[in-house]
Structures are given as structure tokens and as C-alpha cells.
Amino acid sequence: MRVRLDRTLCDGFGTCAKHAAQYFSLDDWGYASLVGDGTVPPEDRPAVLRALLDCPAHAIVELTDDLPPH
């Protein structure tokens, strides 16, 4: 799975960093930045999905899911 963070939508609630600190960092004002390229391995998917679902500003978007090859 891959995620993207739209910083223009972020309102600085910090819930993403609370749930998945290894993927989201907060600046001095509490606004989030994505750590890395947004690729999330299967073992970290639950925490990142919780961050996505709990974001009040809907600033985190799931780009792809792990699909089996055809």
C-alpha cells in the first residue's frame, strides 16, 4: 500500500503521528509531513490505516493497495 499526504488539507491535529509516527512527522506548529515515499509494508498497514481514518481533515489518501500479480 502507498499513501499520500496533502499538506494543504492538514489542520495540525497530529492524529497521524500518534498512530503511525514512523510515517508521519509533525513540524513545530503540529502540521504533518510524510516520512519517506509513502510505501507501507503489510505489517504497518493497520497503524497507517488508523491514521488515515482518524484524520479529521482527510489529508491522507491511500493511493494503491497490494494486489496479487495477474
PDB file of N, CA and C in Angstrom:
ATOM      1  N   MET A   1       0.838  -1.169   0.000  1.00  0.00           N
ATOM      2  CA  MET A   1       0.000   0.000   0.000  1.00  0.00           C
ATOM      3  C   MET A   1       0.891   1.242   0.000  1.00  0.00           C
ATOM      4  N   ARG A   2       0.387   2.294  -0.607  1.00  0.00           N
ATOM      5  CA  ARG A   2       1.076   3.594  -0.590  1.00  0.00           C
ATOM      6  C   ARG A   2       0.081   4.662  -0.172  1.00  0.00           C
ATOM      7  N   VAL A   3       0.577   5.641   0.542  1.00  0.00           N
ATOM      8  CA  VAL A   3      -0.262   6.757   0.952  1.00  0.00           C
ATOM      9  C   VAL A   3       0.383   8.067   0.521  1.00  0.00           C
ATOM     10  N   ARG A   4      -0.456   9.084   0.464  1.00  0.00           N
ATOM     11  CA  ARG A   4      -0.010  10.435   0.138  1.00  0.00           C
ATOM     12  C   ARG A   4      -0.609  11.360   1.181  1.00  0.00           C
ATOM     13  N   LEU A   5       0.133  12.384   1.541  1.00  0.00           N
ATOM     14  CA  LEU A   5      -0.353  13.382   2.483  1.00  0.00           C
ATOM     15  C   LEU A   5      -0.505  14.700   1.740  1.00  0.00           C
ATOM     16  N   ASP A   6      -1.698  15.268   1.779  1.00  0.00           N
ATOM     17  CA  ASP A   6      -1.938  16.575   1.172  1.00  0.00           C
ATOM     18  C   ASP A   6      -1.762  17.625   2.262  1.00  0.00           C
ATOM     19  N   ARG A   7      -0.597  18.246   2.282  1.00  0.00           N
ATOM     20  CA  ARG A   7      -0.280  19.217   3.332  1.00  0.00           C
ATOM     21  C   ARG A   7      -1.187  20.437   3.288  1.00  0.00           C
ATOM     22  N   THR A   8      -1.796  20.716   2.147  1.00  0.00           N
ATOM     23  CA  THR A   8      -2.699  21.870   2.070  1.00  0.00           C
ATOM     24  C   THR A   8      -3.999  21.614   2.824  1.00  0.00           C
ATOM     25  N   LEU A   9      -4.320  20.349   3.066  1.00  0.00           N
ATOM     26  CA  LEU A   9      -5.521  19.996   3.819  1.00  0.00           C
ATOM     27  C   LEU A   9      -5.253  19.801   5.312  1.00  0.00           C
ATOM     28  N   CYS A  10      -4.004  19.559   5.675  1.00  0.00           N
ATOM     29  CA  CYS A  10      -3.649  19.273   7.061  1.00  0.00           C
ATOM     30  C   CYS A  10      -3.997  20.465   7.953  1.00  0.00           C
ATOM     31  N   ASP A  11      -4.689  20.179   9.054  1.00  0.00           N
ATOM     32  CA  ASP A  11      -5.048  21.215  10.023  1.00  0.00           C
ATOM     33  C   ASP A  11      -4.244  21.103  11.320  1.00  0.00           C
ATOM     34  N   GLY A  12      -3.274  20.213  11.355  1.00  0.00           N
ATOM     35  CA  GLY A  12      -2.377  20.127  12.500  1.00  0.00           C
ATOM     36  C   GLY A  12      -2.934  19.420  13.721  1.00  0.00           C
ATOM     37  N   PHE A  13      -3.847  18.496  13.537  1.00  0.00           N
ATOM     38  CA  PHE A  13      -4.394  17.758  14.675  1.00  0.00           C
ATOM     39  C   PHE A  13      -3.382  16.761  15.250  1.00  0.00           C
ATOM     40  N   GLY A  14      -2.521  16.193  14.418  1.00  0.00           N
ATOM     41  CA  GLY A  14      -1.466  15.297  14.879  1.00  0.00           C
ATOM     42  C   GLY A  14      -1.875  13.854  15.094  1.00  0.00           C
ATOM     43  N   THR A  15      -3.089  13.491  14.724  1.00  0.00           N
ATOM     44  CA  THR A  15      -3.522  12.114  14.941  1.00  0.00           C
ATOM     45  C   THR A  15      -2.726  11.120  14.093  1.00  0.00           C
ATOM     46  N   CYS A  16      -2.265  11.551  12.944  1.00  0.00           N
ATOM     47  CA  CYS A  16      -1.486  10.644  12.090  1.00  0.00           C
ATOM     48  C   CYS A  16      -0.187  10.236  12.781  1.00  0.00           C
ATOM     49  N   ALA A  17       0.496  11.198  13.366  1.00  0.00           N
ATOM     50  CA  ALA A  17       1.756  10.902  14.058  1.00  0.00           C
ATOM     51  C   ALA A  17       1.505  10.085  15.327  1.00  0.00           C
ATOM     52  N   LYS A  18       0.363  10.277  15.937  1.00  0.00           N
ATOM     53  CA  LYS A  18       0.020   9.496  17.124  1.00  0.00           C
ATOM     54  C   LYS A  18      -0.113   8.014  16.775  1.00  0.00           C
ATOM     55  N   HIS A  19      -0.719   7.720  15.632  1.00  0.00           N
ATOM     56  CA  HIS A  19      -0.957   6.331  15.235  1.00  0.00           C
ATOM     57  C   HIS A  19       0.207   5.708  14.477  1.00  0.00           C
ATOM     58  N   ALA A  20       0.913   6.505  13.686  1.00  0.00           N
ATOM     59  CA  ALA A  20       1.970   5.952  12.828  1.00  0.00           C
ATOM     60  C   ALA A  20       3.140   6.932  12.737  1.00  0.00           C
ATOM     61  N   ALA A  21       3.828   7.112  13.846  1.00  0.00           N
ATOM     62  CA  ALA A  21       4.913   8.101  13.923  1.00  0.00           C
ATOM     63  C   ALA A  21       6.061   7.804  12.959  1.00  0.00           C
ATOM     64  N   GLN A  22       6.230   6.557  12.561  1.00  0.00           N
ATOM     65  CA  GLN A  22       7.314   6.233  11.638  1.00  0.00           C
ATOM     66  C   GLN A  22       6.998   6.684  10.206  1.00  0.00           C
ATOM     67  N   TYR A  23       5.747   7.070   9.946  1.00  0.00           N
ATOM     68  CA  TYR A  23       5.342   7.509   8.606  1.00  0.00           C
ATOM     69  C   TYR A  23       4.951   8.980   8.550  1.00  0.00           C
ATOM     70  N   PHE A  24       4.640   9.571   9.701  1.00  0.00           N
ATOM     71  CA  PHE A  24       4.211  10.969   9.737  1.00  0.00           C
ATOM     72  C   PHE A  24       4.961  11.704  10.835  1.00  0.00           C
ATOM     73  N   SER A  25       5.586  12.821  10.475  1.00  0.00           N
ATOM     74  CA  SER A  25       6.245  13.654  11.470  1.00  0.00           C
ATOM     75  C   SER A  25       5.508  14.988  11.547  1.00  0.00           C
ATOM     76  N   LEU A  26       5.645  15.657  12.672  1.00  0.00           N
ATOM     77  CA  LEU A  26       4.980  16.932  12.877  1.00  0.00           C
ATOM     78  C   LEU A  26       6.011  18.043  12.976  1.00  0.00           C
ATOM     79  N   ASP A  27       5.700  19.195  12.366  1.00  0.00           N
ATOM     80  CA  ASP A  27       6.593  20.330  12.480  1.00  0.00           C
ATOM     81  C   ASP A  27       6.314  21.072  13.795  1.00  0.00           C
ATOM     82  N   ASP A  28       6.948  22.207  14.002  1.00  0.00           N
ATOM     83  CA  ASP A  28       6.810  22.949  15.254  1.00  0.00           C
ATOM     84  C   ASP A  28       5.389  23.435  15.519  1.00  0.00           C
ATOM     85  N   TRP A  29       4.577  23.545  14.489  1.00  0.00           N
ATOM     86  CA  TRP A  29       3.197  24.012  14.623  1.00  0.00           C
ATOM     87  C   TRP A  29       2.191  22.858  14.628  1.00  0.00           C
ATOM     88  N   GLY A  30       2.684  21.617  14.522  1.00  0.00           N
ATOM     89  CA  GLY A  30       1.812  20.453  14.569  1.00  0.00           C
ATOM     90  C   GLY A  30       1.338  19.959  13.218  1.00  0.00           C
ATOM     91  N   TYR A  31       1.803  20.571  12.133  1.00  0.00           N
ATOM     92  CA  TYR A  31       1.402  20.131  10.798  1.00  0.00           C
ATOM     93  C   TYR A  31       2.249  18.936  10.362  1.00  0.00           C
ATOM     94  N   ALA A  32       1.621  18.011   9.682  1.00  0.00           N
ATOM     95  CA  ALA A  32       2.260  16.741   9.336  1.00  0.00           C
ATOM     96  C   ALA A  32       3.067  16.817   8.043  1.00  0.00           C
ATOM     97  N   SER A  33       4.064  15.969   7.996  1.00  0.00           N
ATOM     98  CA  SER A  33       4.837  15.686   6.787  1.00  0.00           C
ATOM     99  C   SER A  33       4.937  14.176   6.673  1.00  0.00           C
ATOM    100  N   LEU A  34       4.947  13.699   5.458  1.00  0.00           N
ATOM    101  CA  LEU A  34       5.110  12.274   5.209  1.00  0.00           C
ATOM    102  C   LEU A  34       6.588  11.926   5.292  1.00  0.00           C
ATOM    103  N   VAL A  35       6.907  10.885   6.026  1.00  0.00           N
ATOM    104  CA  VAL A  35       8.279  10.400   6.135  1.00  0.00           C
ATOM    105  C   VAL A  35       8.465   9.328   5.066  1.00  0.00           C
ATOM    106  N   GLY A  36       9.445   9.485   4.212  1.00  0.00           N
ATOM    107  CA  GLY A  36       9.684   8.512   3.151  1.00  0.00           C
ATOM    108  C   GLY A  36       8.795   8.768   1.946  1.00  0.00           C
ATOM    109  N   ASP A  37       8.637   7.731   1.131  1.00  0.00           N
ATOM    110  CA  ASP A  37       7.885   7.874  -0.124  1.00  0.00           C
ATOM    111  C   ASP A  37       6.429   7.431  -0.005  1.00  0.00           C
ATOM    112  N   GLY A  38       5.995   7.077   1.200  1.00  0.00           N
ATOM    113  CA  GLY A  38       4.605   6.687   1.404  1.00  0.00           C
ATOM    114  C   GLY A  38       4.340   5.204   1.257  1.00  0.00           C
ATOM    115  N   THR A  39       5.374   4.426   0.978  1.00  0.00           N
ATOM    116  CA  THR A  39       5.206   2.980   0.864  1.00  0.00           C
ATOM    117  C   THR A  39       5.072   2.375   2.256  1.00  0.00           C
ATOM    118  N   VAL A  40       4.031   1.562   2.438  1.00  0.00           N
ATOM    119  CA  VAL A  40       3.731   0.977   3.740  1.00  0.00           C
ATOM    120  C   VAL A  40       3.745  -0.544   3.604  1.00  0.00           C
ATOM    121  N   PRO A  41       4.639  -1.228   4.322  1.00  0.00           N
ATOM    122  CA  PRO A  41       4.646  -2.687   4.270  1.00  0.00           C
ATOM    123  C   PRO A  41       3.420  -3.260   4.992  1.00  0.00           C
ATOM    124  N   PRO A  42       3.051  -4.482   4.678  1.00  0.00           N
ATOM    125  CA  PRO A  42       1.840  -5.086   5.245  1.00  0.00           C
ATOM    126  C   PRO A  42       1.774  -5.050   6.776  1.00  0.00           C
ATOM    127  N   GLU A  43       2.899  -5.217   7.440  1.00  0.00           N
ATOM    128  CA  GLU A  43       2.871  -5.257   8.908  1.00  0.00           C
ATOM    129  C   GLU A  43       2.540  -3.896   9.538  1.00  0.00           C
ATOM    130  N   ASP A  44       2.741  -2.810   8.800  1.00  0.00           N
ATOM    131  CA  ASP A  44       2.435  -1.476   9.313  1.00  0.00           C
ATOM    132  C   ASP A  44       1.104  -0.932   8.807  1.00  0.00           C
ATOM    133  N   ARG A  45       0.462  -1.670   7.945  1.00  0.00           N
ATOM    134  CA  ARG A  45      -0.790  -1.211   7.341  1.00  0.00           C
ATOM    135  C   ARG A  45      -1.878  -0.847   8.357  1.00  0.00           C
ATOM    136  N   PRO A  46      -2.116  -1.647   9.414  1.00  0.00           N
ATOM    137  CA  PRO A  46      -3.175  -1.275  10.363  1.00  0.00           C
ATOM    138  C   PRO A  46      -2.962   0.100  11.008  1.00  0.00           C
ATOM    139  N   ALA A  47      -1.743   0.410  11.413  1.00  0.00           N
ATOM    140  CA  ALA A  47      -1.466   1.699  12.050  1.00  0.00           C
ATOM    141  C   ALA A  47      -1.660   2.853  11.073  1.00  0.00           C
ATOM    142  N   VAL A  48      -1.214   2.675   9.833  1.00  0.00           N
ATOM    143  CA  VAL A  48      -1.348   3.742   8.838  1.00  0.00           C
ATOM    144  C   VAL A  48      -2.811   3.912   8.424  1.00  0.00           C
ATOM    145  N   LEU A  49      -3.539   2.827   8.298  1.00  0.00           N
ATOM    146  CA  LEU A  49      -4.973   2.942   8.003  1.00  0.00           C
ATOM    147  C   LEU A  49      -5.717   3.642   9.136  1.00  0.00           C
ATOM    148  N   ARG A  50      -5.336   3.372  10.380  1.00  0.00           N
ATOM    149  CA  ARG A  50      -5.955   4.063  11.511  1.00  0.00           C
ATOM    150  C   ARG A  50      -5.652   5.557  11.425  1.00  0.00           C
ATOM    151  N   ALA A  51      -4.421   5.907  11.058  1.00  0.00           N
ATOM    152  CA  ALA A  51      -4.065   7.323  10.887  1.00  0.00           C
ATOM    153  C   ALA A  51      -4.907   7.954   9.779  1.00  0.00           C
ATOM    154  N   LEU A  52      -5.077   7.247   8.682  1.00  0.00           N
ATOM    155  CA  LEU A  52      -5.880   7.731   7.561  1.00  0.00           C
ATOM    156  C   LEU A  52      -7.333   7.941   7.990  1.00  0.00           C
ATOM    157  N   LEU A  53      -7.903   6.964   8.665  1.00  0.00           N
ATOM    158  CA  LEU A  53      -9.308   7.034   9.054  1.00  0.00           C
ATOM    159  C   LEU A  53      -9.570   8.075  10.140  1.00  0.00           C
ATOM    160  N   ASP A  54      -8.584   8.316  11.009  1.00  0.00           N
ATOM    161  CA  ASP A  54      -8.768   9.266  12.102  1.00  0.00           C
ATOM    162  C   ASP A  54      -8.402  10.699  11.748  1.00  0.00           C
ATOM    163  N   CYS A  55      -7.886  10.931  10.554  1.00  0.00           N
ATOM    164  CA  CYS A  55      -7.517  12.291  10.154  1.00  0.00           C
ATOM    165  C   CYS A  55      -8.785  13.121   9.947  1.00  0.00           C
ATOM    166  N   PRO A  56      -9.042  14.125  10.811  1.00  0.00           N
ATOM    167  CA  PRO A  56     -10.263  14.910  10.682  1.00  0.00           C
ATOM    168  C   PRO A  56     -10.311  15.755   9.414  1.00  0.00           C
ATOM    169  N   ALA A  57      -9.149  16.058   8.854  1.00  0.00           N
ATOM    170  CA  ALA A  57      -9.093  16.894   7.646  1.00  0.00           C
ATOM    171  C   ALA A  57      -9.064  16.064   6.363  1.00  0.00           C
ATOM    172  N   HIS A  58      -9.005  14.741   6.492  1.00  0.00           N
ATOM    173  CA  HIS A  58      -8.928  13.840   5.328  1.00  0.00           C
ATOM    174  C   HIS A  58      -7.733  14.196   4.440  1.00  0.00           C
ATOM    175  N   ALA A  59      -6.611  14.482   5.084  1.00  0.00           N
ATOM    176  CA  ALA A  59      -5.409  14.882   4.358  1.00  0.00           C
ATOM    177  C   ALA A  59      -4.573  13.697   3.893  1.00  0.00           C
ATOM    178  N   ILE A  60      -4.883  12.492   4.363  1.00  0.00           N
ATOM    179  CA  ILE A  60      -4.134  11.292   3.975  1.00  0.00           C
ATOM    180  C   ILE A  60      -4.979  10.494   2.996  1.00  0.00           C
ATOM    181  N   VAL A  61      -4.357  10.114   1.888  1.00  0.00           N
ATOM    182  CA  VAL A  61      -5.061   9.393   0.837  1.00  0.00           C
ATOM    183  C   VAL A  61      -4.317   8.102   0.537  1.00  0.00           C
ATOM    184  N   GLU A  62      -5.059   6.990   0.458  1.00  0.00           N
ATOM    185  CA  GLU A  62      -4.467   5.715   0.046  1.00  0.00           C
ATOM    186  C   GLU A  62      -4.405   5.705  -1.475  1.00  0.00           C
ATOM    187  N   LEU A  63      -3.206   5.523  -2.010  1.00  0.00           N
ATOM    188  CA  LEU A  63      -3.027   5.539  -3.459  1.00  0.00           C
ATOM    189  C   LEU A  63      -3.217   4.169  -4.082  1.00  0.00           C
ATOM    190  N   THR A  64      -2.655   3.172  -3.463  1.00  0.00           N
ATOM    191  CA  THR A  64      -2.741   1.819  -4.025  1.00  0.00           C
ATOM    192  C   THR A  64      -2.872   0.820  -2.898  1.00  0.00           C
ATOM    193  N   ASP A  65      -3.300  -0.349  -3.270  1.00  0.00           N
ATOM    194  CA  ASP A  65      -3.363  -1.464  -2.329  1.00  0.00           C
ATOM    195  C   ASP A  65      -2.499  -2.569  -2.899  1.00  0.00           C
ATOM    196  N   ASP A  66      -2.070  -3.480  -2.053  1.00  0.00           N
ATOM    197  CA  ASP A  66      -1.280  -4.607  -2.519  1.00  0.00           C
ATOM    198  C   ASP A  66      -2.188  -5.598  -3.239  1.00  0.00           C
ATOM    199  N   LEU A  67      -2.023  -5.681  -4.528  1.00  0.00           N
ATOM    200  CA  LEU A  67      -2.823  -6.594  -5.337  1.00  0.00           C
ATOM    201  C   LEU A  67      -1.927  -7.713  -5.854  1.00  0.00           C
ATOM    202  N   PRO A  68      -2.441  -8.921  -5.911  1.00  0.00           N
ATOM    203  CA  PRO A  68      -1.624 -10.006  -6.462  1.00  0.00           C
ATOM    204  C   PRO A  68      -1.374  -9.776  -7.950  1.00  0.00           C
ATOM    205  N   PRO A  69      -0.217 -10.213  -8.467  1.00  0.00           N
ATOM    206  CA  PRO A  69       0.045 -10.063  -9.902  1.00  0.00           C
ATOM    207  C   PRO A  69      -0.921 -10.881 -10.734  1.00  0.00           C
ATOM    208  N   HIS A  70      -1.208 -10.409 -11.926  1.00  0.00           N
ATOM    209  CA  HIS A  70      -2.145 -11.111 -12.827  1.00  0.00           C
ATOM    210  C   HIS A  70      -1.471 -12.277 -13.491  1.00  0.00           C
TER     211      HIS A  70
END
